[in-house]
Protein backbone atom coordinates (compact mmCIF):
# COMPACT_ATOMS: atom_id res chain seq x y z
CA UNK A 1 -4.09 -22.06 -37.49
CA UNK A 2 -4.12 -24.17 -40.37
CA UNK A 3 -3.81 -27.95 -39.84
CA UNK A 4 -2.62 -30.08 -42.84
CA UNK A 5 -6.07 -31.89 -43.24
CA UNK A 6 -5.76 -31.76 -46.96
CA UNK A 7 -3.50 -30.43 -49.76
CA UNK A 8 -4.73 -27.05 -50.51
CA UNK A 9 -4.18 -27.45 -54.31
CA UNK A 10 -5.87 -30.93 -54.44
CA UNK A 11 -9.33 -30.17 -54.66
CA UNK A 12 -9.72 -27.80 -57.53
CA UNK A 13 -11.79 -30.20 -59.66
CA UNK A 14 -14.05 -30.92 -56.47
CA UNK A 15 -14.82 -27.34 -56.03
CA UNK A 16 -16.11 -27.25 -59.83
CA UNK A 17 -19.57 -27.72 -58.89
CA UNK A 18 -19.58 -25.63 -55.79
CA UNK A 19 -21.00 -21.93 -55.96
CA UNK A 20 -21.69 -21.07 -52.57
CA UNK A 21 -19.93 -22.64 -49.25
CA UNK A 22 -21.11 -21.84 -45.87
CA UNK A 23 -19.23 -22.53 -42.44
CA UNK A 24 -21.10 -22.39 -39.34
CA UNK A 25 -19.21 -22.31 -36.13
CA UNK A 26 -18.29 -20.55 -32.91
CA UNK A 27 -20.15 -19.37 -30.34
CA UNK A 28 -21.00 -15.53 -30.14
CA UNK A 29 -18.42 -15.32 -27.16
CA UNK A 30 -15.82 -16.92 -29.43
CA UNK A 31 -16.74 -14.27 -32.22
CA UNK A 32 -16.59 -11.36 -29.80
CA UNK A 33 -13.53 -12.39 -28.68
CA UNK A 34 -11.68 -12.53 -31.92
CA UNK A 35 -9.41 -9.60 -32.67
CA UNK A 36 -10.09 -7.44 -35.86
CA UNK A 37 -6.65 -8.32 -37.15
CA UNK A 38 -7.57 -12.12 -36.49
CA UNK A 39 -10.89 -11.66 -38.31
CA UNK A 40 -8.96 -9.93 -41.39
CA UNK A 41 -6.62 -12.94 -41.37
CA UNK A 42 -9.28 -15.58 -41.37
CA UNK A 43 -11.55 -14.04 -44.07
CA UNK A 44 -8.49 -13.44 -46.14
CA UNK A 45 -7.15 -17.10 -45.76
CA UNK A 46 -10.68 -18.86 -46.11
CA UNK A 47 -11.63 -16.43 -49.26
CA UNK A 48 -8.21 -17.19 -50.89
CA UNK A 49 -8.76 -20.78 -50.81
CA UNK A 50 -12.18 -20.26 -51.94
CA UNK A 51 -11.18 -18.08 -54.95
CA UNK A 52 -8.13 -20.43 -55.80
CA UNK A 53 -10.53 -23.30 -56.29
CA UNK A 54 -13.25 -21.43 -58.20
CA UNK A 55 -15.73 -21.01 -55.41
CA UNK A 56 -17.56 -17.37 -55.79
CA UNK A 57 -19.25 -17.37 -52.71
CA UNK A 58 -18.26 -17.85 -48.88
CA UNK A 59 -20.51 -17.30 -45.96
CA UNK A 60 -19.19 -17.39 -42.45
CA UNK A 61 -21.97 -17.81 -39.93
CA UNK A 62 -22.10 -18.16 -36.06
CA UNK A 63 -23.43 -21.38 -34.62
CA UNK A 64 -26.14 -20.07 -32.76
CA UNK A 65 -27.30 -16.67 -31.06
CA UNK A 66 -26.53 -13.36 -32.31
CA UNK A 67 -23.39 -11.41 -31.79
CA UNK A 68 -23.43 -7.64 -31.64
CA UNK A 69 -21.38 -7.52 -35.10
CA UNK A 70 -23.05 -6.36 -38.23
CA UNK A 71 -23.02 -8.64 -41.35
CA UNK A 72 -20.22 -7.74 -43.74
CA UNK A 73 -19.12 -8.54 -47.45
CA UNK A 74 -15.59 -8.64 -48.37
CA UNK A 75 -14.06 -9.48 -51.89
CA UNK A 76 -11.11 -11.78 -51.67
CA UNK A 77 -9.70 -12.38 -54.97
CA UNK A 78 -12.94 -13.00 -56.79
CA UNK A 79 -14.72 -14.99 -53.95
CA UNK A 80 -17.42 -12.70 -52.05
CA UNK A 81 -17.00 -13.61 -48.51
CA UNK A 82 -20.20 -12.69 -46.35
CA UNK A 83 -19.73 -12.57 -42.60
CA UNK A 84 -23.19 -13.11 -41.00
CA UNK A 85 -23.48 -12.92 -37.13
CA UNK A 86 -27.04 -13.74 -37.05
CA UNK A 87 -27.37 -17.11 -35.34
CA UNK A 88 -31.00 -17.53 -35.20
CA UNK A 89 -32.20 -18.88 -38.51
CA UNK A 90 -35.73 -18.30 -37.97
CA UNK A 91 -35.38 -14.72 -37.21
CA UNK A 92 -33.00 -14.28 -40.47
CA UNK A 93 -35.67 -16.07 -42.56
CA UNK A 94 -38.72 -13.97 -41.08
CA UNK A 95 -36.61 -10.53 -41.74
CA UNK A 96 -35.94 -11.68 -45.31
CA UNK A 97 -39.38 -12.45 -45.87
CA UNK A 98 -40.65 -9.15 -44.24
CA UNK A 99 -38.17 -7.21 -46.67
CA UNK A 100 -39.54 -8.95 -49.76
CA UNK A 101 -41.32 -6.65 -52.17
CA UNK A 102 -45.01 -7.13 -51.98
CA UNK A 103 -45.52 -7.11 -55.71
CA UNK A 104 -42.92 -9.99 -56.04
CA UNK A 105 -44.14 -13.52 -56.25
CA UNK A 106 -42.45 -15.54 -53.42
CA UNK A 107 -40.00 -18.08 -55.23
CA UNK A 108 -36.87 -19.77 -54.41
CA UNK A 109 -35.02 -16.84 -56.41
CA UNK A 110 -36.76 -14.32 -54.40
CA UNK A 111 -36.15 -15.86 -51.13
CA UNK A 112 -32.32 -16.45 -52.12
CA UNK A 113 -32.20 -12.53 -52.93
CA UNK A 114 -33.57 -11.81 -49.63
CA UNK A 115 -31.39 -14.06 -47.59
CA UNK A 116 -28.01 -13.66 -49.76
CA UNK A 117 -28.47 -10.41 -51.78
CA UNK A 118 -28.32 -12.68 -55.25
CA UNK A 119 -30.81 -15.14 -56.71
CA UNK A 120 -28.56 -18.26 -57.30
CA UNK A 121 -26.51 -18.26 -54.22
CA UNK A 122 -28.10 -20.97 -51.73
CA UNK A 123 -25.24 -22.90 -50.20
CA UNK A 124 -24.06 -26.26 -52.04
CA UNK A 125 -21.90 -27.16 -49.29
CA UNK A 126 -22.60 -26.40 -45.30
CA UNK A 127 -19.23 -27.10 -43.12
CA UNK A 128 -20.42 -27.24 -39.59
CA UNK A 129 -17.69 -26.96 -36.80
CA UNK A 130 -18.75 -29.54 -34.15
CA UNK A 131 -20.32 -32.82 -33.83
CA UNK A 132 -22.71 -34.38 -36.16
CA UNK A 133 -25.41 -34.78 -33.34
CA UNK A 134 -26.63 -31.22 -33.49
CA UNK A 135 -27.47 -28.95 -36.10
CA UNK A 136 -26.97 -25.37 -35.50
CA UNK A 137 -30.11 -23.28 -34.90
CA UNK A 138 -28.62 -20.63 -37.49
CA UNK A 139 -29.46 -23.06 -40.31
CA UNK A 140 -33.16 -23.13 -41.60
CA UNK A 141 -33.38 -22.43 -45.46
CA UNK A 142 -30.16 -23.45 -45.96
CA UNK A 143 -30.57 -27.34 -45.05
CA UNK A 144 -33.05 -27.94 -47.94
CA UNK A 145 -30.55 -28.81 -50.67
CA UNK A 146 -26.86 -28.37 -49.09
CA UNK A 147 -24.35 -31.13 -48.41
CA UNK A 148 -23.38 -31.19 -44.79
CA UNK A 149 -19.87 -32.00 -43.65
CA UNK A 150 -19.24 -31.91 -39.89
CA UNK A 151 -15.74 -31.25 -38.82
CA UNK A 152 -14.98 -31.39 -34.96
CA UNK A 153 -12.63 -28.46 -34.69
CA UNK A 154 -12.94 -25.31 -32.72
CA UNK A 155 -13.57 -22.00 -34.42
CA UNK A 156 -10.33 -20.36 -33.36
CA UNK A 157 -8.55 -23.53 -34.97
CA UNK A 158 -10.47 -23.78 -38.25
CA UNK A 159 -8.42 -22.84 -41.16
CA UNK A 160 -8.11 -23.37 -45.12
CA UNK A 161 -6.62 -26.88 -44.63
CA UNK A 162 -10.02 -27.68 -42.78
CA UNK A 163 -12.11 -26.14 -45.61
CA UNK A 164 -10.02 -27.95 -48.15
CA UNK A 165 -10.86 -31.29 -46.54
CA UNK A 166 -14.60 -30.57 -46.58
CA UNK A 167 -14.49 -29.56 -50.13
CA UNK A 168 -12.66 -33.13 -51.00
CA UNK A 169 -15.44 -34.79 -48.80
CA UNK A 170 -18.13 -32.96 -50.90
CA UNK A 171 -16.53 -33.80 -54.14
CA UNK A 172 -16.83 -37.67 -53.08
CA UNK A 173 -20.81 -37.45 -52.72
CA UNK A 174 -23.36 -38.10 -55.43
CA UNK A 175 -25.73 -35.15 -54.90
CA UNK A 176 -29.42 -35.62 -55.01
CA UNK A 177 -30.60 -32.25 -54.19
CA UNK A 178 -33.09 -33.66 -51.73
CA UNK A 179 -34.55 -36.40 -53.91
CA UNK A 180 -34.42 -40.24 -53.11
CA UNK A 181 -32.45 -42.73 -54.85
CA UNK A 182 -34.04 -44.47 -57.85
CA UNK A 183 -32.62 -47.92 -56.78
């Protein structure tokens, strides 16, 4: 499953600025066809990689549509891996807004808490499995400040080596958090 795209030990310095990585890939049919054993191996492999380089949050999200699976969280060596089968970003965002306490002011922190369960976890890095010519419909809020890395690999072939390559790519970027260059 894992191809040698990058040395898994190499990007530890690269991940220092990463708090939340999100991987978006696979169709609802591909997710449904994945056996429980394969899911557990994938979650363990990807979560272990993130934990090894100090990334505390990893979200795995279907590219589009919705599966019959339910969202789930796993602790893998200090990395919380969230499996999010909701592929419709608009629906997920609307449900999160409906779940906000009416007494709370709507802020980035309250939206993050509604979407992710914690206030400081919007993704820093979005790894999209597929071509760079199309954005997944599962991303709405996440596109605001995250860096995108597109990897032309199938969901069934994606592994920790691919994730390591995305982290190395991320490390070479100068983040502007939605701003423009001053130059």
